[in-house]
Amino acid sequence: MFKIENKTAIALLNEIGQRLGTNLLSGLENQLDKDEHQAKKWLANALVADAIMRYDNSVGATTTVENARKEASLKYADVAEGPWPPWAVLWDVYAQMKKVSGKELVEFVEIQTRTMDQISKADDDTIMAVEMEKNHILGIGMLDGKAASEEYVILMEEAQKSGKLSGKKPNKLLLKAIKKGIKKAGRKNIYIMIALILASFILWLAMGNTKQVLGMVANATEEDLYTRNWEGNSADGVSDVWMNCGKMTSYMTGYYPPDYDKNLAIPYSYIFEDELEDSIIWCGGFFMEKKFGFYGAEGIFLLHTEDQSLTVATIGACPYSNNNRTWIQGVDQLSSLDSKDAKKELFREMYNHNAIHHTTNFKGYELYSRLGSKGDNAQKNGHTAMCVTIQQDLT
């Protein structure tokens, strides 16, 4: 039987399970024994139900676990399986993401897991805003993040014009902007966004040394980045994701709420070149899982601007026997990779570099990808995490 050993995953599953009146830890272990790919959906449904129940309880409503699970199934079934909502952070969080490597990269992901969980425990708007401000997170999900970011930019511009910034970190402005985002999106919406993010984080921690890749991606540009049809549904046309083996279980998308384009992966950031530390960077994530048998998780995904003037290809690979690896590079023409065979050929070309980190420049953008592992040897261990950044030229 599959045994979860990660302390963070065990603590979170036991805590959430207690609120839901079930042994979530044992339940997830059983799911991982039966079907790893269904485990993500099963866990996300449980976390969304917990989010609904905690919100209702925080506003004085009496909601049973059964009713919360019904609401989760009826209203949020379409987002429980795969979408990974984006979130907005300040520059220092982004800079730290780029800095960590090896074991530190895996530890960084684990810290983000605990941070998201702590924010989700806030039982009123002010406490949630304080927790987010403390961790330099402006917003979680499109509604929250967009409203907070736009408010922050307005407040920053007003403060700069009046000379009130005076070189000090504008925590009061940040807190005010975060509160605006929470009010716009609603705390319940943010709870659910966090639940969807935590589902991938917790599952990745729970699966331990299994061949898998969890990645965080930062869009440090002033352009929206898109990925077409990441789920690969034939009815939805060309897909910008191709898996050599394994499955892309979760992928960054601004789809929820459905007012936004399903193909929007990560929205544009706000870059203040004179005050980089005040810049707002949008992030997303993805999770590649292995399938049954002697195979790992290996795939390629494309991110591109709406006008397709910039296209970036990235691979992540945690093979069953070969070295782990990642690579990132620019692509001259997105349409040249419309076919599965073309993506397969490019994947093989990038795979053969056999590297765990790579930085390059393309059309005025810095492209960066790094893979780290829980063990001492990042090229061999199964518990792998990736960091991918696309940054516009700041000179």
Protein backbone atom coordinates (compact mmCIF):
# COMPACT_ATOMS: atom_id res chain seq x y z
CA MET A 1 0.00 0.00 0.00
CA PHE A 2 1.18 3.53 -0.82
CA LYS A 3 2.51 5.31 2.27
CA ILE A 4 2.67 9.11 2.53
CA GLU A 5 5.77 10.17 4.46
CA ASN A 6 6.13 13.93 3.93
CA LYS A 7 5.45 15.70 7.25
CA THR A 8 3.87 18.80 5.69
CA ALA A 9 1.49 16.70 3.58
CA ILE A 10 0.56 14.51 6.56
CA ALA A 11 -0.12 17.52 8.81
CA LEU A 12 -2.30 19.28 6.21
CA LEU A 13 -4.25 16.16 5.28
CA ASN A 14 -4.93 15.32 8.93
CA GLU A 15 -6.05 18.87 9.70
CA ILE A 16 -8.34 19.14 6.68
CA GLY A 17 -9.61 15.59 7.22
CA GLN A 18 -10.56 16.43 10.79
CA ARG A 19 -12.67 19.37 9.59
CA LEU A 20 -14.36 17.14 7.00
CA GLY A 21 -14.89 14.31 9.49
CA THR A 22 -12.90 11.80 7.43
CA ASN A 23 -9.45 10.23 7.31
CA LEU A 24 -8.18 12.22 4.33
CA LEU A 25 -4.64 10.85 4.72
CA SER A 26 -5.75 7.23 4.45
CA GLY A 27 -8.19 8.15 1.68
CA LEU A 28 -5.48 9.75 -0.44
CA GLU A 29 -3.16 6.79 0.10
CA ASN A 30 -5.94 4.51 -1.17
CA GLN A 31 -6.49 6.77 -4.18
CA LEU A 32 -2.77 6.73 -5.01
CA ASP A 33 -2.85 2.94 -4.82
CA LYS A 34 -5.75 2.76 -7.28
CA ASP A 35 -5.16 5.59 -9.77
CA GLU A 36 -2.70 8.44 -9.32
CA HIS A 37 -4.42 10.61 -11.94
CA GLN A 38 -7.82 10.37 -10.28
CA ALA A 39 -6.18 11.19 -6.94
CA LYS A 40 -5.69 14.83 -7.97
CA LYS A 41 -9.40 15.29 -8.77
CA TRP A 42 -10.42 13.42 -5.61
CA LEU A 43 -8.18 15.61 -3.44
CA ALA A 44 -9.22 18.87 -5.16
CA ASN A 45 -12.90 18.06 -4.59
CA ALA A 46 -12.24 17.47 -0.90
CA LEU A 47 -10.25 20.71 -0.54
CA VAL A 48 -12.92 22.74 -2.36
CA ALA A 49 -15.61 21.28 -0.07
CA ASP A 50 -13.47 22.24 2.94
CA ALA A 51 -13.08 25.77 1.54
CA ILE A 52 -16.86 26.13 1.11
CA MET A 53 -17.57 24.88 4.61
CA ARG A 54 -14.95 27.10 6.26
CA TYR A 55 -16.23 30.19 4.47
CA ASP A 56 -19.84 29.50 5.40
CA ASN A 57 -18.84 28.91 9.02
CA SER A 58 -16.81 32.14 9.07
CA VAL A 59 -19.89 34.20 8.12
CA GLY A 60 -22.18 32.45 10.60
CA ALA A 61 -23.89 30.06 8.20
CA THR A 62 -24.38 26.45 9.24
CA THR A 63 -23.19 24.16 6.47
CA THR A 64 -22.77 20.41 6.80
CA VAL A 65 -19.93 18.49 5.20
CA GLU A 66 -22.46 16.74 2.99
CA ASN A 67 -23.87 20.04 1.69
CA ALA A 68 -20.39 21.45 1.13
CA ARG A 69 -19.41 18.38 -0.89
CA LYS A 70 -22.61 18.68 -2.95
CA GLU A 71 -21.88 22.33 -3.72
CA ALA A 72 -18.31 21.48 -4.67
CA SER A 73 -19.55 18.77 -7.02
CA LEU A 74 -22.31 20.87 -8.61
CA LYS A 75 -20.54 24.23 -8.97
CA TYR A 76 -16.84 23.49 -9.20
CA ALA A 77 -16.49 20.06 -10.81
CA ASP A 78 -15.21 21.64 -14.04
CA VAL A 79 -12.26 23.29 -12.29
CA ALA A 80 -11.38 20.59 -9.76
CA GLU A 81 -9.52 18.31 -12.13
CA GLY A 82 -6.82 20.38 -13.76
CA PRO A 83 -6.73 24.20 -13.75
CA TRP A 84 -4.03 25.84 -11.63
CA PRO A 85 -5.04 29.47 -10.88
CA PRO A 86 -2.33 32.13 -11.24
CA TRP A 87 -1.23 34.32 -8.34
CA ALA A 88 0.53 37.70 -8.12
CA VAL A 89 3.61 38.40 -5.96
CA LEU A 90 6.08 41.20 -5.37
CA TRP A 91 9.50 41.19 -7.03
CA ASP A 92 11.38 39.81 -4.01
CA VAL A 93 9.37 36.56 -4.08
CA TYR A 94 10.11 36.23 -7.79
CA ALA A 95 13.81 36.95 -7.21
CA GLN A 96 13.94 34.23 -4.56
CA MET A 97 12.28 31.79 -6.96
CA LYS A 98 15.07 32.42 -9.46
CA LYS A 99 17.78 32.14 -6.83
CA VAL A 100 17.02 28.73 -5.29
CA SER A 101 18.44 25.49 -6.68
CA GLY A 102 18.79 21.82 -5.75
CA LYS A 103 17.20 20.94 -2.41
CA GLU A 104 16.44 24.64 -1.80
CA LEU A 105 14.12 24.68 -4.82
CA VAL A 106 12.09 21.79 -3.39
CA GLU A 107 12.07 23.47 0.04
CA PHE A 108 10.88 26.71 -1.60
CA VAL A 109 7.86 24.86 -3.02
CA GLU A 110 7.12 23.35 0.37
CA ILE A 111 7.24 26.82 1.95
CA GLN A 112 4.74 28.07 -0.66
CA THR A 113 2.46 25.17 0.33
CA ARG A 114 2.50 26.17 3.99
CA THR A 115 2.05 29.84 3.06
CA MET A 116 -1.05 29.14 0.96
CA ASP A 117 -2.48 26.99 3.75
CA GLN A 118 -1.89 29.75 6.31
CA ILE A 119 -3.66 32.32 4.12
CA SER A 120 -6.59 29.93 3.70
CA LYS A 121 -7.06 29.76 7.47
CA ALA A 122 -7.91 33.48 7.71
CA ASP A 123 -11.53 33.73 8.83
CA ASP A 124 -12.10 37.37 7.90
CA ASP A 125 -10.95 39.72 5.14
CA THR A 126 -8.54 41.74 7.28
CA ILE A 127 -6.67 38.72 8.61
CA MET A 128 -6.42 37.31 5.09
CA ALA A 129 -5.04 40.63 3.81
CA VAL A 130 -2.44 40.78 6.60
CA GLU A 131 -1.29 37.21 5.87
CA MET A 132 -0.97 37.97 2.16
CA GLU A 133 0.85 41.25 2.80
CA LYS A 134 3.27 39.51 5.15
CA ASN A 135 4.20 37.07 2.39
CA HIS A 136 4.17 39.71 -0.39
CA ILE A 137 1.31 38.03 -2.26
CA LEU A 138 -1.01 40.56 -3.87
CA GLY A 139 -3.72 38.25 -5.07
CA ILE A 140 -4.67 34.62 -5.74
CA GLY A 141 -6.71 33.90 -8.85
CA MET A 142 -7.63 36.29 -11.65
CA LEU A 143 -10.37 38.34 -9.97
CA ASP A 144 -8.43 38.94 -6.76
CA GLY A 145 -5.01 39.43 -8.35
CA LYS A 146 -6.17 41.77 -11.11
CA ALA A 147 -8.12 44.03 -8.75
CA ALA A 148 -5.29 44.17 -6.20
CA SER A 149 -2.60 44.77 -8.83
CA GLU A 150 -4.50 47.57 -10.53
CA GLU A 151 -5.20 49.24 -7.19
CA TYR A 152 -1.56 48.91 -6.14
CA VAL A 153 -0.35 50.54 -9.36
CA ILE A 154 -2.77 53.47 -8.86
CA LEU A 155 -1.68 53.93 -5.23
CA MET A 156 2.01 53.73 -6.16
CA GLU A 157 1.64 56.34 -8.90
CA GLU A 158 -0.24 58.68 -6.58
CA ALA A 159 2.36 58.25 -3.83
CA GLN A 160 5.23 58.84 -6.23
CA LYS A 161 3.66 62.03 -7.57
CA SER A 162 3.09 63.36 -4.06
CA GLY A 163 6.54 62.30 -2.85
CA LYS A 164 5.07 60.22 -0.01
CA LEU A 165 7.06 57.07 -0.78
CA SER A 166 10.39 58.59 0.30
CA GLY A 167 12.29 55.36 -0.36
CA LYS A 168 10.40 53.29 2.22
CA LYS A 169 8.67 50.01 1.45
CA PRO A 170 4.99 50.95 0.98
CA ASN A 171 3.45 48.22 3.15
CA LYS A 172 0.38 50.36 3.84
CA LEU A 173 -0.23 50.75 0.11
CA LEU A 174 0.25 47.03 -0.41
CA LEU A 175 -2.18 46.15 2.37
CA LYS A 176 -4.77 48.57 1.02
CA ALA A 177 -4.47 47.09 -2.48
CA ILE A 178 -4.76 43.53 -1.17
CA LYS A 179 -7.94 44.44 0.71
CA LYS A 180 -9.39 45.86 -2.51
CA GLY A 181 -8.68 42.59 -4.30
CA ILE A 182 -10.28 40.49 -1.55
CA LYS A 183 -13.38 42.69 -1.58
CA LYS A 184 -13.66 42.45 -5.35
CA ALA A 185 -13.21 38.67 -5.60
CA GLY A 186 -14.76 37.65 -2.30
CA ARG A 187 -13.02 35.57 0.33
CA LYS A 188 -14.92 32.43 -0.70
CA ASN A 189 -13.55 32.69 -4.22
CA ILE A 190 -10.01 33.05 -2.85
CA TYR A 191 -10.48 30.04 -0.55
CA ILE A 192 -11.39 27.98 -3.62
CA MET A 193 -8.45 29.29 -5.66
CA ILE A 194 -6.12 28.28 -2.83
CA ALA A 195 -7.78 24.86 -2.63
CA LEU A 196 -7.03 24.24 -6.32
CA ILE A 197 -3.39 25.30 -5.88
CA LEU A 198 -2.96 23.30 -2.68
CA ALA A 199 -4.31 20.17 -4.37
CA SER A 200 -1.25 20.03 -6.64
CA PHE A 201 1.19 21.09 -3.92
CA ILE A 202 -0.08 18.51 -1.41
CA LEU A 203 -0.27 15.72 -3.99
CA TRP A 204 3.30 16.43 -5.11
CA LEU A 205 4.53 16.33 -1.50
CA ALA A 206 2.49 13.20 -0.76
CA MET A 207 3.83 11.27 -3.76
CA GLY A 208 7.40 11.70 -2.54
CA ASN A 209 10.09 10.07 -4.70
CA THR A 210 7.64 8.97 -7.39
CA LYS A 211 8.72 10.10 -10.87
CA GLN A 212 6.94 13.44 -11.19
CA VAL A 213 7.65 17.11 -11.91
CA LEU A 214 5.98 20.09 -10.21
CA GLY A 215 6.85 23.46 -11.72
CA MET A 216 6.33 27.12 -10.95
CA VAL A 217 6.43 29.62 -13.82
CA ALA A 218 6.86 33.39 -13.55
CA ASN A 219 5.84 35.83 -16.27
CA ALA A 220 8.09 38.85 -15.67
CA THR A 221 6.90 40.58 -18.85
CA GLU A 222 4.25 43.10 -19.74
CA GLU A 223 2.54 40.64 -22.09
CA ASP A 224 -0.13 38.01 -21.38
CA LEU A 225 1.20 34.49 -22.01
CA TYR A 226 -1.02 31.82 -23.55
CA THR A 227 -1.03 28.04 -23.93
CA ARG A 228 -3.60 26.62 -26.34
CA ASN A 229 -5.72 23.68 -25.22
CA TRP A 230 -3.34 22.40 -22.53
CA GLU A 231 -5.60 19.41 -21.80
CA GLY A 232 -5.22 18.17 -25.37
CA ASN A 233 -8.93 17.74 -26.09
CA SER A 234 -9.26 16.90 -29.78
CA ALA A 235 -12.43 18.98 -30.10
CA ASP A 236 -10.57 22.11 -28.91
CA GLY A 237 -8.01 22.11 -31.72
CA VAL A 238 -4.22 22.38 -31.53
CA SER A 239 -2.59 21.75 -28.14
CA ASP A 240 0.60 23.48 -27.00
CA VAL A 241 1.35 20.64 -24.56
CA TRP A 242 2.81 17.28 -25.57
CA MET A 243 3.70 14.51 -23.14
CA ASN A 244 6.27 11.89 -24.15
CA CYS A 245 5.20 9.86 -21.14
CA GLY A 246 3.09 10.57 -18.08
CA LYS A 247 0.28 13.10 -17.91
CA MET A 248 -0.02 16.86 -17.39
CA THR A 249 -2.40 16.59 -14.44
CA SER A 250 -2.59 20.31 -13.66
CA TYR A 251 -1.65 23.41 -15.63
CA MET A 252 -1.65 27.17 -15.18
CA THR A 253 -4.77 28.84 -16.53
CA GLY A 254 -6.80 31.93 -15.76
CA TYR A 255 -9.97 30.08 -16.78
CA TYR A 256 -11.73 30.27 -13.44
CA PRO A 257 -13.91 32.22 -13.28
CA PRO A 258 -14.88 31.52 -16.90
CA ASP A 259 -15.01 35.24 -17.75
CA TYR A 260 -11.37 34.85 -18.77
CA ASP A 261 -9.88 33.11 -21.81
CA LYS A 262 -9.28 29.44 -21.04
CA ASN A 263 -6.02 29.59 -23.00
CA LEU A 264 -4.63 32.46 -20.92
CA ALA A 265 -1.88 30.80 -18.87
CA ILE A 266 -0.34 33.73 -16.95
CA PRO A 267 -1.42 37.39 -17.19
CA TYR A 268 0.99 40.27 -17.75
CA SER A 269 3.02 41.73 -14.91
CA TYR A 270 3.63 45.32 -13.82
CA ILE A 271 7.33 46.16 -14.13
CA PHE A 272 8.59 49.35 -12.44
CA GLU A 273 12.11 49.60 -13.90
CA ASP A 274 13.12 52.41 -11.53
CA GLU A 275 11.68 50.57 -8.50
CA LEU A 276 12.04 46.88 -9.30
CA GLU A 277 11.25 45.82 -5.73
CA ASP A 278 7.73 47.24 -6.15
CA SER A 279 7.05 45.33 -9.38
CA ILE A 280 4.16 42.85 -9.48
CA ILE A 281 4.97 39.47 -11.02
CA TRP A 282 2.32 36.93 -12.00
CA CYS A 283 3.06 33.24 -11.47
CA GLY A 284 1.51 29.95 -12.48
CA GLY A 285 2.21 26.27 -12.04
CA PHE A 286 2.05 22.82 -13.60
CA PHE A 287 2.20 19.21 -12.45
CA MET A 288 3.44 16.29 -14.55
CA GLU A 289 2.66 12.81 -13.17
CA LYS A 290 3.97 9.42 -14.22
CA LYS A 291 1.69 6.73 -15.56
CA PHE A 292 1.67 3.12 -14.48
CA GLY A 293 4.62 0.89 -15.30
CA PHE A 294 8.26 1.64 -16.01
CA TYR A 295 7.82 5.19 -17.26
CA GLY A 296 8.40 8.58 -15.75
CA ALA A 297 6.96 12.02 -16.53
CA GLU A 298 8.34 13.88 -19.56
CA GLY A 299 6.80 16.61 -21.65
CA ILE A 300 7.03 19.93 -23.45
CA PHE A 301 4.81 23.00 -23.16
CA LEU A 302 4.65 26.26 -25.11
CA LEU A 303 3.93 29.77 -23.84
CA HIS A 304 3.33 32.57 -26.31
CA THR A 305 2.07 36.14 -26.53
CA GLU A 306 -1.34 36.79 -28.04
CA ASP A 307 0.15 38.07 -31.31
CA GLN A 308 2.62 35.13 -31.30
CA SER A 309 5.60 37.47 -31.60
CA LEU A 310 7.16 35.56 -28.70
CA THR A 311 6.96 31.79 -28.29
CA VAL A 312 8.87 29.90 -25.63
CA ALA A 313 9.27 26.12 -25.41
CA THR A 314 10.14 24.40 -22.12
CA ILE A 315 10.67 20.74 -21.30
CA GLY A 316 10.55 19.00 -17.95
CA ALA A 317 11.58 15.38 -17.58
CA CYS A 318 11.83 12.95 -14.68
CA PRO A 319 12.47 9.68 -16.58
CA TYR A 320 12.32 6.22 -15.07
CA SER A 321 15.98 5.44 -15.83
CA ASN A 322 17.68 8.36 -17.59
CA ASN A 323 18.78 11.64 -15.99
CA ASN A 324 16.25 14.27 -14.97
CA ARG A 325 16.45 17.31 -17.19
CA THR A 326 14.98 20.62 -18.31
CA TRP A 327 15.62 23.04 -21.15
CA ILE A 328 14.10 26.28 -22.38
CA GLN A 329 14.43 28.09 -25.71
CA GLY A 330 12.67 30.49 -28.03
CA VAL A 331 10.75 29.36 -31.10
CA ASP A 332 10.65 31.48 -34.26
CA GLN A 333 7.13 30.50 -35.35
CA LEU A 334 4.41 29.00 -33.15
CA SER A 335 2.57 27.41 -36.10
CA SER A 336 5.64 25.30 -36.91
CA LEU A 337 4.85 23.28 -33.78
CA ASP A 338 1.14 22.74 -34.38
CA SER A 339 1.57 19.03 -35.08
CA LYS A 340 2.34 16.45 -32.41
CA ASP A 341 5.25 15.18 -34.50
CA ALA A 342 6.83 18.66 -34.56
CA LYS A 343 6.54 18.99 -30.79
CA LYS A 344 7.94 15.48 -30.37
CA GLU A 345 10.93 16.32 -32.57
CA LEU A 346 11.65 19.55 -30.66
CA PHE A 347 11.24 17.72 -27.34
CA ARG A 348 13.88 15.18 -28.39
CA GLU A 349 16.25 17.94 -29.51
CA MET A 350 15.90 19.75 -26.18
CA TYR A 351 15.98 16.50 -24.18
CA ASN A 352 19.37 15.60 -25.63
CA HIS A 353 21.01 18.61 -23.94
CA ASN A 354 20.83 16.54 -20.72
CA ALA A 355 20.87 19.61 -18.44
CA ILE A 356 19.13 20.51 -15.18
CA HIS A 357 19.36 24.27 -15.74
CA HIS A 358 19.56 26.59 -18.70
CA THR A 359 19.48 30.35 -19.32
CA THR A 360 19.31 31.99 -22.72
CA ASN A 361 18.20 35.23 -24.40
CA PHE A 362 15.65 35.42 -27.18
CA LYS A 363 14.16 38.52 -28.83
CA GLY A 364 15.06 40.69 -25.83
CA TYR A 365 13.75 38.25 -23.20
CA GLU A 366 15.73 36.25 -20.66
CA LEU A 367 14.52 32.64 -20.55
CA TYR A 368 15.41 30.57 -17.49
CA SER A 369 14.66 27.02 -16.37
CA ARG A 370 16.05 25.02 -13.45
CA LEU A 371 15.22 21.64 -11.94
CA GLY A 372 15.89 20.68 -8.32
CA SER A 373 15.40 17.54 -6.27
CA LYS A 374 14.71 16.50 -2.72
CA GLY A 375 17.81 14.29 -2.78
CA ASP A 376 21.46 15.19 -3.20
CA ASN A 377 21.51 14.28 -6.88
CA ALA A 378 19.05 16.46 -8.82
CA GLN A 379 19.66 14.41 -11.96
CA LYS A 380 18.50 11.13 -10.44
CA ASN A 381 15.91 11.64 -7.71
CA GLY A 382 12.18 11.40 -8.38
CA HIS A 383 10.91 14.16 -6.10
CA THR A 384 11.64 17.01 -8.52
CA ALA A 385 10.57 20.65 -8.77
CA MET A 386 11.12 23.14 -11.58
CA CYS A 387 11.36 26.90 -11.79
CA VAL A 388 10.74 28.63 -15.12
CA THR A 389 10.93 32.39 -15.70
CA ILE A 390 10.43 34.60 -18.74
CA GLN A 391 11.73 38.12 -18.11
CA GLN A 392 11.71 41.11 -20.40
CA ASP A 393 14.88 43.15 -20.96
CA LEU A 394 15.24 45.67 -18.12
CA THR A 395 18.19 47.65 -19.57
